[in-house]
Amino acid sequence: MKNLFQSLKFARSPRRVQRRRLSIDISRIAAYVIGDVHGCYDQLMTLERIIAADASRLPGPKLIVMLGDYVDRGPDSAQVVEHLLNPPPQDFHRICLTGNHEMAMLDYLDGHLSLERWLQMGAASTLLSYGMDVDHMRQVYRSPQERDDRIRSAIPESHKEFLRSLPILIDADRFLLVHAGIRPGIPLDEQTDEDLVFIRREFIDNAHLLEQWVIHGHTPVEKAHPEGRRINIDTGAFYSGRLSALRLWNKRGRILST
């Protein structure tokens, strides 16, 4: 397993344009932050209905923030991306952040990551959701380049542009919304994109040093709950069936799950 992560780290070395970092005021907004979807379209639809019912009792504007990892592992990545390209639920705004799986998918589509390395991250189910069976394609297309060309041409341009457009962080005063976490002690403007979507232990083990509440996913947990000054809302939807969201409203939080 260690060797796998080392190989993936090596694979994410190409220079990328730094992702946008947003700053918004959510003090008068009911904000619902959704954890890692990983192709679980049905759970996302169920959670959106739960959120809509909860929000109907609250005044003022409503916002959904997606924390990334929409693709890989679960069965319906293409459907999830297509859904996120459409308007949000009625009376809501929506902001989608990037996760490491979107960055890996884009690295593959841009020719910076091999298919084999993307497959190690759960891409076979993503390709199936776009109508491509990798095992079958290996029989039909003997040349890896021919296979790659076929895959890359089959992903809709609108989905590729979605992957390119995703910001990486939201600074919301008391709260910081990000896929994986941050490196404690480093100013926000000096945090690297790679840390924001890949970091684990250095962040998790030092949550007591954080100056803001960090709302994140990336590292699956059985139940979403506060720890130090962070709240992890990745409840492993693709294997547990539980997709979770954190409602931030009136300076309080509430966990909603499928």
Foldseek 3Di string as FASTA:
>chain_A
DVVLVVVVVVLLPDDDDAFDEAEDACQAEWEKEWAAQAQVVVFVVVVLVVVVVVCVVPDDAYEYEYAENLHFLAQASVVSLVVVVDARPPRYHYAYAYAVLLVQVLCLLVPSGAPVSNVVRGCQSVLVNLVDHVVVLVVVDVDSVVSSVVSSVSRDPVSSVVSVRHGAWYHHPQEIEGAEAFQAPDDPVPTGSCCRRPPHDNGVVPLLRDPHQYEYENDADCDWDDDRRYTYQRPPCSPPVKIWIWIQYNNDIDIDID
